[in-house]
Amino acid sequence: MIKTKLKPVLPSLREKKRYLVFEIIAKEKIIDFACVSKAIWQCSIGFVGKLGASKAGIMVLGNKWNPKLQRGIIKVSHGHVDAIKSALALADEIDNKKVIFRSLGVSGILNKAENNYLRA
């Protein structure tokens, strides 16, 4: 049996991505990342629908969640950044705690997003 490698996708055909840095403002700190991720998905699906959320290519990066600063990063397709920002603005609750999502910035490079927005 002959094994063949798949050809890599050309850079011009790849989906362009952006990294959206957000902050949660709340009276009590939210430590559980799973609750944050669930709230982001619920508000995104509620605003743009299941098809829109899948086209947006949303990926909440769990290893970039900073519970001390209450900041995190969402990877999203470049054409859907504004829709996801709007969806986050409509989210008002995580685990029955009133919260406000605030977008801090958008970057095309993950390292730049981390250095500019996630550091204290």
PDB file of N, CA and C in Angstrom:
ATOM      1  N   MET A   1       0.837  -1.179   0.000  1.00  0.00           N
ATOM      2  CA  MET A   1       0.000   0.000   0.000  1.00  0.00           C
ATOM      3  C   MET A   1       0.886   1.248   0.000  1.00  0.00           C
ATOM      4  N   ILE A   2       0.625   2.152  -0.905  1.00  0.00           N
ATOM      5  CA  ILE A   2       1.430   3.361  -1.051  1.00  0.00           C
ATOM      6  C   ILE A   2       0.782   4.488  -0.255  1.00  0.00           C
ATOM      7  N   LYS A   3       1.587   5.125   0.595  1.00  0.00           N
ATOM      8  CA  LYS A   3       1.095   6.267   1.364  1.00  0.00           C
ATOM      9  C   LYS A   3       1.472   7.549   0.632  1.00  0.00           C
ATOM     10  N   THR A   4       0.511   8.413   0.463  1.00  0.00           N
ATOM     11  CA  THR A   4       0.788   9.698  -0.175  1.00  0.00           C
ATOM     12  C   THR A   4       0.421  10.813   0.797  1.00  0.00           C
ATOM     13  N   LYS A   5       1.194  11.864   0.760  1.00  0.00           N
ATOM     14  CA  LYS A   5       0.930  13.009   1.613  1.00  0.00           C
ATOM     15  C   LYS A   5      -0.082  13.925   0.936  1.00  0.00           C
ATOM     16  N   LEU A   6      -0.899  14.545   1.738  1.00  0.00           N
ATOM     17  CA  LEU A   6      -1.811  15.548   1.200  1.00  0.00           C
ATOM     18  C   LEU A   6      -1.033  16.814   0.913  1.00  0.00           C
ATOM     19  N   LYS A   7      -1.400  17.472  -0.143  1.00  0.00           N
ATOM     20  CA  LYS A   7      -0.750  18.732  -0.457  1.00  0.00           C
ATOM     21  C   LYS A   7      -1.265  19.801   0.500  1.00  0.00           C
ATOM     22  N   PRO A   8      -0.383  20.680   0.970  1.00  0.00           N
ATOM     23  CA  PRO A   8      -0.853  21.745   1.855  1.00  0.00           C
ATOM     24  C   PRO A   8      -1.703  22.756   1.085  1.00  0.00           C
ATOM     25  N   VAL A   9      -2.605  23.406   1.803  1.00  0.00           N
ATOM     26  CA  VAL A   9      -3.465  24.417   1.191  1.00  0.00           C
ATOM     27  C   VAL A   9      -2.625  25.667   0.951  1.00  0.00           C
ATOM     28  N   LEU A  10      -2.757  26.239  -0.212  1.00  0.00           N
ATOM     29  CA  LEU A  10      -2.020  27.455  -0.536  1.00  0.00           C
ATOM     30  C   LEU A  10      -2.435  28.583   0.396  1.00  0.00           C
ATOM     31  N   PRO A  11      -1.519  29.473   0.745  1.00  0.00           N
ATOM     32  CA  PRO A  11      -1.859  30.584   1.642  1.00  0.00           C
ATOM     33  C   PRO A  11      -2.999  31.457   1.118  1.00  0.00           C
ATOM     34  N   SER A  12      -3.092  31.603  -0.188  1.00  0.00           N
ATOM     35  CA  SER A  12      -4.165  32.433  -0.752  1.00  0.00           C
ATOM     36  C   SER A  12      -5.539  31.783  -0.608  1.00  0.00           C
ATOM     37  N   LEU A  13      -5.582  30.473  -0.388  1.00  0.00           N
ATOM     38  CA  LEU A  13      -6.854  29.765  -0.252  1.00  0.00           C
ATOM     39  C   LEU A  13      -7.241  29.514   1.202  1.00  0.00           C
ATOM     40  N   ARG A  14      -6.330  29.807   2.129  1.00  0.00           N
ATOM     41  CA  ARG A  14      -6.627  29.583   3.539  1.00  0.00           C
ATOM     42  C   ARG A  14      -7.588  30.633   4.066  1.00  0.00           C
ATOM     43  N   GLU A  15      -8.323  30.240   5.088  1.00  0.00           N
ATOM     44  CA  GLU A  15      -9.237  31.173   5.728  1.00  0.00           C
ATOM     45  C   GLU A  15      -8.435  32.173   6.552  1.00  0.00           C
ATOM     46  N   LYS A  16      -8.716  33.452   6.349  1.00  0.00           N
ATOM     47  CA  LYS A  16      -8.011  34.482   7.104  1.00  0.00           C
ATOM     48  C   LYS A  16      -8.636  34.572   8.492  1.00  0.00           C
ATOM     49  N   LYS A  17      -7.801  34.694   9.502  1.00  0.00           N
ATOM     50  CA  LYS A  17      -8.305  34.697  10.858  1.00  0.00           C
ATOM     51  C   LYS A  17      -7.861  35.951  11.601  1.00  0.00           C
ATOM     52  N   ARG A  18      -8.614  36.283  12.624  1.00  0.00           N
ATOM     53  CA  ARG A  18      -8.289  37.403  13.501  1.00  0.00           C
ATOM     54  C   ARG A  18      -8.422  36.916  14.939  1.00  0.00           C
ATOM     55  N   TYR A  19      -7.706  37.567  15.809  1.00  0.00           N
ATOM     56  CA  TYR A  19      -7.759  37.236  17.229  1.00  0.00           C
ATOM     57  C   TYR A  19      -8.392  38.412  17.966  1.00  0.00           C
ATOM     58  N   LEU A  20      -9.568  38.174  18.517  1.00  0.00           N
ATOM     59  CA  LEU A  20     -10.333  39.185  19.221  1.00  0.00           C
ATOM     60  C   LEU A  20     -10.078  39.035  20.719  1.00  0.00           C
ATOM     61  N   VAL A  21      -9.527  40.079  21.324  1.00  0.00           N
ATOM     62  CA  VAL A  21      -9.234  40.060  22.754  1.00  0.00           C
ATOM     63  C   VAL A  21     -10.410  40.714  23.480  1.00  0.00           C
ATOM     64  N   PHE A  22     -10.930  40.021  24.494  1.00  0.00           N
ATOM     65  CA  PHE A  22     -12.075  40.536  25.242  1.00  0.00           C
ATOM     66  C   PHE A  22     -11.762  40.572  26.726  1.00  0.00           C
ATOM     67  N   GLU A  23     -12.548  41.379  27.425  1.00  0.00           N
ATOM     68  CA  GLU A  23     -12.425  41.498  28.876  1.00  0.00           C
ATOM     69  C   GLU A  23     -13.820  41.368  29.472  1.00  0.00           C
ATOM     70  N   ILE A  24     -13.901  40.741  30.625  1.00  0.00           N
ATOM     71  CA  ILE A  24     -15.179  40.611  31.317  1.00  0.00           C
ATOM     72  C   ILE A  24     -15.168  41.530  32.526  1.00  0.00           C
ATOM     73  N   ILE A  25     -16.188  42.361  32.619  1.00  0.00           N
ATOM     74  CA  ILE A  25     -16.331  43.256  33.757  1.00  0.00           C
ATOM     75  C   ILE A  25     -17.479  42.724  34.602  1.00  0.00           C
ATOM     76  N   ALA A  26     -17.181  42.403  35.863  1.00  0.00           N
ATOM     77  CA  ALA A  26     -18.190  41.853  36.764  1.00  0.00           C
ATOM     78  C   ALA A  26     -17.802  42.181  38.202  1.00  0.00           C
ATOM     79  N   LYS A  27     -18.784  42.118  39.091  1.00  0.00           N
ATOM     80  CA  LYS A  27     -18.505  42.365  40.509  1.00  0.00           C
ATOM     81  C   LYS A  27     -17.669  41.234  41.096  1.00  0.00           C
ATOM     82  N   GLU A  28     -17.986  40.008  40.694  1.00  0.00           N
ATOM     83  CA  GLU A  28     -17.247  38.836  41.171  1.00  0.00           C
ATOM     84  C   GLU A  28     -16.388  38.298  40.027  1.00  0.00           C
ATOM     85  N   LYS A  29     -15.192  37.845  40.352  1.00  0.00           N
ATOM     86  CA  LYS A  29     -14.317  37.261  39.332  1.00  0.00           C
ATOM     87  C   LYS A  29     -14.870  35.924  38.864  1.00  0.00           C
ATOM     88  N   ILE A  30     -14.728  35.678  37.574  1.00  0.00           N
ATOM     89  CA  ILE A  30     -15.170  34.407  36.991  1.00  0.00           C
ATOM     90  C   ILE A  30     -13.922  33.577  36.719  1.00  0.00           C
ATOM     91  N   ILE A  31     -13.812  32.467  37.419  1.00  0.00           N
ATOM     92  CA  ILE A  31     -12.616  31.640  37.333  1.00  0.00           C
ATOM     93  C   ILE A  31     -12.798  30.512  36.331  1.00  0.00           C
ATOM     94  N   ASP A  32     -13.996  29.970  36.243  1.00  0.00           N
ATOM     95  CA  ASP A  32     -14.261  28.805  35.397  1.00  0.00           C
ATOM     96  C   ASP A  32     -14.336  29.205  33.923  1.00  0.00           C
ATOM     97  N   PHE A  33     -13.346  28.757  33.150  1.00  0.00           N
ATOM     98  CA  PHE A  33     -13.312  29.096  31.732  1.00  0.00           C
ATOM     99  C   PHE A  33     -14.447  28.450  30.959  1.00  0.00           C
ATOM    100  N   ALA A  34     -14.877  27.272  31.384  1.00  0.00           N
ATOM    101  CA  ALA A  34     -15.948  26.568  30.666  1.00  0.00           C
ATOM    102  C   ALA A  34     -17.226  27.412  30.638  1.00  0.00           C
ATOM    103  N   CYS A  35     -17.512  28.102  31.720  1.00  0.00           N
ATOM    104  CA  CYS A  35     -18.699  28.971  31.764  1.00  0.00           C
ATOM    105  C   CYS A  35     -18.549  30.156  30.812  1.00  0.00           C
ATOM    106  N   VAL A  36     -17.353  30.702  30.730  1.00  0.00           N
ATOM    107  CA  VAL A  36     -17.094  31.826  29.824  1.00  0.00           C
ATOM    108  C   VAL A  36     -17.275  31.374  28.374  1.00  0.00           C
ATOM    109  N   SER A  37     -16.690  30.227  28.036  1.00  0.00           N
ATOM    110  CA  SER A  37     -16.793  29.692  26.685  1.00  0.00           C
ATOM    111  C   SER A  37     -18.244  29.403  26.311  1.00  0.00           C
ATOM    112  N   LYS A  38     -18.973  28.821  27.240  1.00  0.00           N
ATOM    113  CA  LYS A  38     -20.382  28.503  26.999  1.00  0.00           C
ATOM    114  C   LYS A  38     -21.193  29.772  26.746  1.00  0.00           C
ATOM    115  N   ALA A  39     -20.921  30.828  27.525  1.00  0.00           N
ATOM    116  CA  ALA A  39     -21.641  32.095  27.349  1.00  0.00           C
ATOM    117  C   ALA A  39     -21.320  32.722  25.999  1.00  0.00           C
ATOM    118  N   ILE A  40     -20.064  32.637  25.585  1.00  0.00           N
ATOM    119  CA  ILE A  40     -19.668  33.203  24.284  1.00  0.00           C
ATOM    120  C   ILE A  40     -20.369  32.460  23.161  1.00  0.00           C
ATOM    121  N   TRP A  41     -20.396  31.133  23.235  1.00  0.00           N
ATOM    122  CA  TRP A  41     -21.070  30.346  22.204  1.00  0.00           C
ATOM    123  C   TRP A  41     -22.567  30.625  22.174  1.00  0.00           C
ATOM    124  N   GLN A  42     -23.192  30.716  23.350  1.00  0.00           N
ATOM    125  CA  GLN A  42     -24.634  30.967  23.393  1.00  0.00           C
ATOM    126  C   GLN A  42     -24.987  32.320  22.795  1.00  0.00           C
ATOM    127  N   CYS A  43     -24.226  33.359  23.149  1.00  0.00           N
ATOM    128  CA  CYS A  43     -24.555  34.680  22.608  1.00  0.00           C
ATOM    129  C   CYS A  43     -24.251  34.750  21.109  1.00  0.00           C
ATOM    130  N   SER A  44     -23.216  34.057  20.659  1.00  0.00           N
ATOM    131  CA  SER A  44     -22.888  34.044  19.222  1.00  0.00           C
ATOM    132  C   SER A  44     -23.965  33.337  18.420  1.00  0.00           C
ATOM    133  N   ILE A  45     -24.396  32.174  18.903  1.00  0.00           N
ATOM    134  CA  ILE A  45     -25.450  31.433  18.204  1.00  0.00           C
ATOM    135  C   ILE A  45     -26.764  32.195  18.256  1.00  0.00           C
ATOM    136  N   GLY A  46     -27.025  32.860  19.371  1.00  0.00           N
ATOM    137  CA  GLY A  46     -28.247  33.651  19.487  1.00  0.00           C
ATOM    138  C   GLY A  46     -28.279  34.836  18.535  1.00  0.00           C
ATOM    139  N   PHE A  47     -27.120  35.418  18.274  1.00  0.00           N
ATOM    140  CA  PHE A  47     -27.071  36.612  17.422  1.00  0.00           C
ATOM    141  C   PHE A  47     -26.941  36.276  15.942  1.00  0.00           C
ATOM    142  N   VAL A  48     -26.003  35.401  15.578  1.00  0.00           N
ATOM    143  CA  VAL A  48     -25.769  35.114  14.160  1.00  0.00           C
ATOM    144  C   VAL A  48     -26.335  33.774  13.714  1.00  0.00           C
ATOM    145  N   GLY A  49     -26.823  32.966  14.648  1.00  0.00           N
ATOM    146  CA  GLY A  49     -27.384  31.667  14.304  1.00  0.00           C
ATOM    147  C   GLY A  49     -26.306  30.599  14.182  1.00  0.00           C
ATOM    148  N   LYS A  50     -26.740  29.365  14.043  1.00  0.00           N
ATOM    149  CA  LYS A  50     -25.788  28.249  13.959  1.00  0.00           C
ATOM    150  C   LYS A  50     -24.956  28.312  12.685  1.00  0.00           C
ATOM    151  N   LEU A  51     -25.591  28.628  11.581  1.00  0.00           N
ATOM    152  CA  LEU A  51     -24.871  28.711  10.313  1.00  0.00           C
ATOM    153  C   LEU A  51     -23.855  29.852  10.340  1.00  0.00           C
ATOM    154  N   GLY A  52     -24.271  30.994  10.860  1.00  0.00           N
ATOM    155  CA  GLY A  52     -23.354  32.144  10.955  1.00  0.00           C
ATOM    156  C   GLY A  52     -22.190  31.874  11.883  1.00  0.00           C
ATOM    157  N   ALA A  53     -22.453  31.188  12.984  1.00  0.00           N
ATOM    158  CA  ALA A  53     -21.378  30.856  13.926  1.00  0.00           C
ATOM    159  C   ALA A  53     -20.387  29.885  13.308  1.00  0.00           C
ATOM    160  N   SER A  54     -20.888  28.955  12.506  1.00  0.00           N
ATOM    161  CA  SER A  54     -19.970  28.011  11.861  1.00  0.00           C
ATOM    162  C   SER A  54     -19.162  28.706  10.770  1.00  0.00           C
ATOM    163  N   LYS A  55     -19.771  29.627  10.040  1.00  0.00           N
ATOM    164  CA  LYS A  55     -19.032  30.378   9.026  1.00  0.00           C
ATOM    165  C   LYS A  55     -18.002  31.306   9.662  1.00  0.00           C
ATOM    166  N   ALA A  56     -18.312  31.802  10.857  1.00  0.00           N
ATOM    167  CA  ALA A  56     -17.388  32.701  11.555  1.00  0.00           C
ATOM    168  C   ALA A  56     -16.162  31.950  12.069  1.00  0.00           C
ATOM    169  N   GLY A  57     -16.263  30.642  12.196  1.00  0.00           N
ATOM    170  CA  GLY A  57     -15.120  29.843  12.637  1.00  0.00           C
ATOM    171  C   GLY A  57     -14.658  30.201  14.036  1.00  0.00           C
ATOM    172  N   ILE A  58     -15.598  30.391  14.933  1.00  0.00           N
ATOM    173  CA  ILE A  58     -15.276  30.815  16.296  1.00  0.00           C
ATOM    174  C   ILE A  58     -14.518  29.721  17.032  1.00  0.00           C
ATOM    175  N   MET A  59     -13.454  30.124  17.691  1.00  0.00           N
ATOM    176  CA  MET A  59     -12.702  29.210  18.546  1.00  0.00           C
ATOM    177  C   MET A  59     -12.255  30.007  19.776  1.00  0.00           C
ATOM    178  N   VAL A  60     -12.820  29.685  20.920  1.00  0.00           N
ATOM    179  CA  VAL A  60     -12.451  30.355  22.162  1.00  0.00           C
ATOM    180  C   VAL A  60     -11.200  29.652  22.685  1.00  0.00           C
ATOM    181  N   LEU A  61     -10.110  30.390  22.810  1.00  0.00           N
ATOM    182  CA  LEU A  61      -8.827  29.809  23.175  1.00  0.00           C
ATOM    183  C   LEU A  61      -8.711  29.678  24.695  1.00  0.00           C
ATOM    184  N   GLY A  62      -8.866  28.459  25.177  1.00  0.00           N
ATOM    185  CA  GLY A  62      -8.862  28.197  26.613  1.00  0.00           C
ATOM    186  C   GLY A  62      -7.527  28.427  27.283  1.00  0.00           C
ATOM    187  N   ASN A  63      -6.438  28.162  26.573  1.00  0.00           N
ATOM    188  CA  ASN A  63      -5.128  28.344  27.184  1.00  0.00           C
ATOM    189  C   ASN A  63      -4.716  29.814  27.255  1.00  0.00           C
ATOM    190  N   LYS A  64      -5.498  30.704  26.666  1.00  0.00           N
ATOM    191  CA  LYS A  64      -5.205  32.144  26.708  1.00  0.00           C
ATOM    192  C   LYS A  64      -6.102  32.886  27.701  1.00  0.00           C
ATOM    193  N   TRP A  65      -6.937  32.180  28.451  1.00  0.00           N
ATOM    194  CA  TRP A  65      -7.811  32.805  29.446  1.00  0.00           C
ATOM    195  C   TRP A  65      -6.982  33.211  30.657  1.00  0.00           C
ATOM    196  N   ASN A  66      -7.079  34.469  31.054  1.00  0.00           N
ATOM    197  CA  ASN A  66      -6.367  34.988  32.214  1.00  0.00           C
ATOM    198  C   ASN A  66      -7.397  35.325  33.286  1.00  0.00           C
ATOM    199  N   PRO A  67      -7.594  34.434  34.288  1.00  0.00           N
ATOM    200  CA  PRO A  67      -8.626  34.684  35.293  1.00  0.00           C
ATOM    201  C   PRO A  67      -8.310  35.875  36.194  1.00  0.00           C
ATOM    202  N   LYS A  68      -7.036  36.208  36.324  1.00  0.00           N
ATOM    203  CA  LYS A  68      -6.644  37.339  37.161  1.00  0.00           C
ATOM    204  C   LYS A  68      -7.107  38.662  36.546  1.00  0.00           C
ATOM    205  N   LEU A  69      -6.860  38.815  35.241  1.00  0.00           N
ATOM    206  CA  LEU A  69      -7.261  40.038  34.535  1.00  0.00           C
ATOM    207  C   LEU A  69      -8.653  39.946  33.931  1.00  0.00           C
ATOM    208  N   GLN A  70      -9.246  38.724  33.942  1.00  0.00           N
ATOM    209  CA  GLN A  70     -10.554  38.490  33.333  1.00  0.00           C
ATOM    210  C   GLN A  70     -10.537  38.805  31.837  1.00  0.00           C
ATOM    211  N   ARG A  71      -9.472  38.345  31.161  1.00  0.00           N
ATOM    212  CA  ARG A  71      -9.320  38.586  29.726  1.00  0.00           C
ATOM    213  C   ARG A  71      -9.076  37.279  28.992  1.00  0.00           C
ATOM    214  N   GLY A  72      -9.483  37.251  27.735  1.00  0.00           N
ATOM    215  CA  GLY A  72      -9.294  36.061  26.924  1.00  0.00           C
ATOM    216  C   GLY A  72      -9.233  36.425  25.454  1.00  0.00           C
ATOM    217  N   ILE A  73      -9.044  35.392  24.629  1.00  0.00           N
ATOM    218  CA  ILE A  73      -8.906  35.590  23.184  1.00  0.00           C
ATOM    219  C   ILE A  73      -9.845  34.637  22.444  1.00  0.00           C
ATOM    220  N   ILE A  74     -10.491  35.165  21.414  1.00  0.00           N
ATOM    221  CA  ILE A  74     -11.345  34.380  20.537  1.00  0.00           C
ATOM    222  C   ILE A  74     -10.747  34.448  19.138  1.00  0.00           C
ATOM    223  N   LYS A  75     -10.579  33.293  18.499  1.00  0.00           N
ATOM    224  CA  LYS A  75     -10.128  33.240  17.106  1.00  0.00           C
ATOM    225  C   LYS A  75     -11.374  33.241  16.229  1.00  0.00           C
ATOM    226  N   VAL A  76     -11.416  34.130  15.251  1.00  0.00           N
ATOM    227  CA  VAL A  76     -12.608  34.285  14.416  1.00  0.00           C
ATOM    228  C   VAL A  76     -12.184  34.629  12.988  1.00  0.00           C
ATOM    229  N   SER A  77     -13.016  34.298  12.037  1.00  0.00           N
ATOM    230  CA  SER A  77     -12.757  34.611  10.637  1.00  0.00           C
ATOM    231  C   SER A  77     -12.749  36.133  10.441  1.00  0.00           C
ATOM    232  N   HIS A  78     -11.927  36.614   9.530  1.00  0.00           N
ATOM    233  CA  HIS A  78     -11.741  38.060   9.377  1.00  0.00           C
ATOM    234  C   HIS A  78     -13.006  38.805   8.960  1.00  0.00           C
ATOM    235  N   GLY A  79     -13.908  38.156   8.287  1.00  0.00           N
ATOM    236  CA  GLY A  79     -15.125  38.824   7.832  1.00  0.00           C
ATOM    237  C   GLY A  79     -16.241  38.867   8.862  1.00  0.00           C
ATOM    238  N   HIS A  80     -16.053  38.184   9.976  1.00  0.00           N
ATOM    239  CA  HIS A  80     -17.115  38.093  10.969  1.00  0.00           C
ATOM    240  C   HIS A  80     -16.753  38.732  12.308  1.00  0.00           C
ATOM    241  N   VAL A  81     -15.685  39.504  12.345  1.00  0.00           N
ATOM    242  CA  VAL A  81     -15.239  40.111  13.597  1.00  0.00           C
ATOM    243  C   VAL A  81     -16.305  41.035  14.167  1.00  0.00           C
ATOM    244  N   ASP A  82     -16.883  41.881  13.330  1.00  0.00           N
ATOM    245  CA  ASP A  82     -17.891  42.836  13.816  1.00  0.00           C
ATOM    246  C   ASP A  82     -19.134  42.131  14.348  1.00  0.00           C
ATOM    247  N   ALA A  83     -19.544  41.050  13.700  1.00  0.00           N
ATOM    248  CA  ALA A  83     -20.716  40.305  14.167  1.00  0.00           C
ATOM    249  C   ALA A  83     -20.459  39.682  15.532  1.00  0.00           C
ATOM    250  N   ILE A  84     -19.267  39.149  15.749  1.00  0.00           N
ATOM    251  CA  ILE A  84     -18.951  38.532  17.034  1.00  0.00           C
ATOM    252  C   ILE A  84     -18.798  39.593  18.109  1.00  0.00           C
ATOM    253  N   LYS A  85     -18.260  40.752  17.762  1.00  0.00           N
ATOM    254  CA  LYS A  85     -18.196  41.862  18.726  1.00  0.00           C
ATOM    255  C   LYS A  85     -19.605  42.265  19.165  1.00  0.00           C
ATOM    256  N   SER A  86     -20.510  42.332  18.208  1.00  0.00           N
ATOM    257  CA  SER A  86     -21.899  42.683  18.518  1.00  0.00           C
ATOM    258  C   SER A  86     -22.547  41.624  19.389  1.00  0.00           C
ATOM    259  N   ALA A  87     -22.275  40.368  19.094  1.00  0.00           N
ATOM    260  CA  ALA A  87     -22.836  39.280  19.886  1.00  0.00           C
ATOM    261  C   ALA A  87     -22.327  39.344  21.323  1.00  0.00           C
ATOM    262  N   LEU A  88     -21.046  39.643  21.488  1.00  0.00           N
ATOM    263  CA  LEU A  88     -20.485  39.759  22.839  1.00  0.00           C
ATOM    264  C   LEU A  88     -21.115  40.918  23.602  1.00  0.00           C
ATOM    265  N   ALA A  89     -21.414  41.997  22.898  1.00  0.00           N
ATOM    266  CA  ALA A  89     -22.034  43.148  23.554  1.00  0.00           C
ATOM    267  C   ALA A  89     -23.421  42.805  24.091  1.00  0.00           C
ATOM    268  N   LEU A  90     -24.086  41.832  23.470  1.00  0.00           N
ATOM    269  CA  LEU A  90     -25.424  41.444  23.913  1.00  0.00           C
ATOM    270  C   LEU A  90     -25.411  40.452  25.069  1.00  0.00           C
ATOM    271  N   ALA A  91     -24.274  39.809  25.318  1.00  0.00           N
ATOM    272  CA  ALA A  91     -24.182  38.852  26.434  1.00  0.00           C
ATOM    273  C   ALA A  91     -24.201  39.634  27.742  1.00  0.00           C
ATOM    274  N   ASP A  92     -25.018  39.178  28.681  1.00  0.00           N
ATOM    275  CA  ASP A  92     -25.132  39.925  29.940  1.00  0.00           C
ATOM    276  C   ASP A  92     -25.049  39.044  31.187  1.00  0.00           C
ATOM    277  N   GLU A  93     -24.840  37.756  31.005  1.00  0.00           N
ATOM    278  CA  GLU A  93     -24.876  36.865  32.162  1.00  0.00           C
ATOM    279  C   GLU A  93     -23.966  35.660  31.962  1.00  0.00           C
ATOM    280  N   ILE A  94     -23.204  35.330  33.018  1.00  0.00           N
ATOM    281  CA  ILE A  94     -22.414  34.106  33.055  1.00  0.00           C
ATOM    282  C   ILE A  94     -22.677  33.472  34.410  1.00  0.00           C
ATOM    283  N   ASP A  95     -23.192  32.261  34.401  1.00  0.00           N
ATOM    284  CA  ASP A  95     -23.455  31.535  35.650  1.00  0.00           C
ATOM    285  C   ASP A  95     -24.326  32.348  36.607  1.00  0.00           C
ATOM    286  N   ASN A  96     -25.366  32.980  36.087  1.00  0.00           N
ATOM    287  CA  ASN A  96     -26.291  33.816  36.858  1.00  0.00           C
ATOM    288  C   ASN A  96     -25.612  35.003  37.523  1.00  0.00           C
ATOM    289  N   LYS A  97     -24.503  35.452  36.982  1.00  0.00           N
ATOM    290  CA  LYS A  97     -23.810  36.648  37.456  1.00  0.00           C
ATOM    291  C   LYS A  97     -23.865  37.680  36.342  1.00  0.00           C
ATOM    292  N   LYS A  98     -24.235  38.889  36.667  1.00  0.00           N
ATOM    293  CA  LYS A  98     -24.305  39.961  35.674  1.00  0.00           C
ATOM    294  C   LYS A  98     -22.892  40.347  35.239  1.00  0.00           C
ATOM    295  N   VAL A  99     -22.670  40.382  33.935  1.00  0.00           N
ATOM    296  CA  VAL A  99     -21.360  40.718  33.385  1.00  0.00           C
ATOM    297  C   VAL A  99     -21.502  41.641  32.186  1.00  0.00           C
ATOM    298  N   ILE A 100     -20.393  42.263  31.840  1.00  0.00           N
ATOM    299  CA  ILE A 100     -20.300  43.065  30.625  1.00  0.00           C
ATOM    300  C   ILE A 100     -19.073  42.575  29.875  1.00  0.00           C
ATOM    301  N   PHE A 101     -19.247  42.228  28.605  1.00  0.00           N
ATOM    302  CA  PHE A 101     -18.128  41.860  27.751  1.00  0.00           C
ATOM    303  C   PHE A 101     -17.634  43.128  27.059  1.00  0.00           C
ATOM    304  N   ARG A 102     -16.344  43.326  27.076  1.00  0.00           N
ATOM    305  CA  ARG A 102     -15.747  44.487  26.423  1.00  0.00           C
ATOM    306  C   ARG A 102     -14.644  44.000  25.497  1.00  0.00           C
ATOM    307  N   SER A 103     -14.694  44.375  24.231  1.00  0.00           N
ATOM    308  CA  SER A 103     -13.632  43.966  23.315  1.00  0.00           C
ATOM    309  C   SER A 103     -12.499  44.993  23.415  1.00  0.00           C
ATOM    310  N   LEU A 104     -11.304  44.484  23.613  1.00  0.00           N
ATOM    311  CA  LEU A 104     -10.146  45.352  23.807  1.00  0.00           C
ATOM    312  C   LEU A 104      -9.402  45.620  22.504  1.00  0.00           C
ATOM    313  N   GLY A 105      -9.426  44.665  21.595  1.00  0.00           N
ATOM    314  CA  GLY A 105      -8.725  44.871  20.334  1.00  0.00           C
ATOM    315  C   GLY A 105      -8.745  43.638  19.461  1.00  0.00           C
ATOM    316  N   VAL A 106      -8.306  43.816  18.236  1.00  0.00           N
ATOM    317  CA  VAL A 106      -8.259  42.735  17.255  1.00  0.00           C
ATOM    318  C   VAL A 106      -6.875  42.744  16.621  1.00  0.00           C
ATOM    319  N   SER A 107      -6.331  41.544  16.414  1.00  0.00           N
ATOM    320  CA  SER A 107      -5.029  41.427  15.780  1.00  0.00           C
ATOM    321  C   SER A 107      -5.037  40.235  14.840  1.00  0.00           C
ATOM    322  N   GLY A 108      -4.184  40.279  13.852  1.00  0.00           N
ATOM    323  CA  GLY A 108      -4.050  39.168  12.922  1.00  0.00           C
ATOM    324  C   GLY A 108      -2.994  38.168  13.374  1.00  0.00           C
ATOM    325  N   ILE A 109      -2.255  38.532  14.427  1.00  0.00           N
ATOM    326  CA  ILE A 109      -1.183  37.680  14.933  1.00  0.00           C
ATOM    327  C   ILE A 109      -1.433  37.402  16.404  1.00  0.00           C
ATOM    328  N   LEU A 110      -1.465  36.137  16.773  1.00  0.00           N
ATOM    329  CA  LEU A 110      -1.765  35.751  18.150  1.00  0.00           C
ATOM    330  C   LEU A 110      -0.760  36.322  19.136  1.00  0.00           C
ATOM    331  N   ASN A 111       0.503  36.269  18.816  1.00  0.00           N
ATOM    332  CA  ASN A 111       1.538  36.760  19.714  1.00  0.00           C
ATOM    333  C   ASN A 111       1.368  38.254  19.996  1.00  0.00           C
ATOM    334  N   LYS A 112       1.021  39.008  18.978  1.00  0.00           N
ATOM    335  CA  LYS A 112       0.810  40.446  19.132  1.00  0.00           C
ATOM    336  C   LYS A 112      -0.417  40.723  20.004  1.00  0.00           C
ATOM    337  N   ALA A 113      -1.472  39.943  19.808  1.00  0.00           N
ATOM    338  CA  ALA A 113      -2.677  40.104  20.620  1.00  0.00           C
ATOM    339  C   ALA A 113      -2.367  39.827  22.094  1.00  0.00           C
ATOM    340  N   GLU A 114      -1.589  38.788  22.354  1.00  0.00           N
ATOM    341  CA  GLU A 114      -1.213  38.457  23.730  1.00  0.00           C
ATOM    342  C   GLU A 114      -0.388  39.571  24.354  1.00  0.00           C
ATOM    343  N   ASN A 115       0.659  39.990  23.647  1.00  0.00           N
ATOM    344  CA  ASN A 115       1.570  40.976  24.211  1.00  0.00           C
ATOM    345  C   ASN A 115       0.910  42.335  24.428  1.00  0.00           C
ATOM    346  N   ASN A 116       0.023  42.742  23.538  1.00  0.00           N
ATOM    347  CA  ASN A 116      -0.589  44.064  23.647  1.00  0.00           C
ATOM    348  C   ASN A 116      -1.749  44.128  24.622  1.00  0.00           C
ATOM    349  N   TYR A 117      -2.493  43.013  24.788  1.00  0.00           N
ATOM    350  CA  TYR A 117      -3.739  43.098  25.539  1.00  0.00           C
ATOM    351  C   TYR A 117      -3.837  42.197  26.757  1.00  0.00           C
ATOM    352  N   LEU A 118      -3.142  41.076  26.771  1.00  0.00           N
ATOM    353  CA  LEU A 118      -3.290  40.135  27.881  1.00  0.00           C
ATOM    354  C   LEU A 118      -2.307  40.369  29.011  1.00  0.00           C
ATOM    355  N   ARG A 119      -1.289  41.129  28.792  1.00  0.00           N
ATOM    356  CA  ARG A 119      -0.301  41.383  29.832  1.00  0.00           C
ATOM    357  C   ARG A 119      -0.762  42.522  30.720  1.00  0.00           C
ATOM    358  N   ALA A 120      -0.447  42.426  32.002  1.00  0.00           N
ATOM    359  CA  ALA A 120      -0.844  43.478  32.957  1.00  0.00           C
ATOM    360  C   ALA A 120       0.076  44.683  32.859  1.00  0.00           C
TER     361      ALA A 120
END
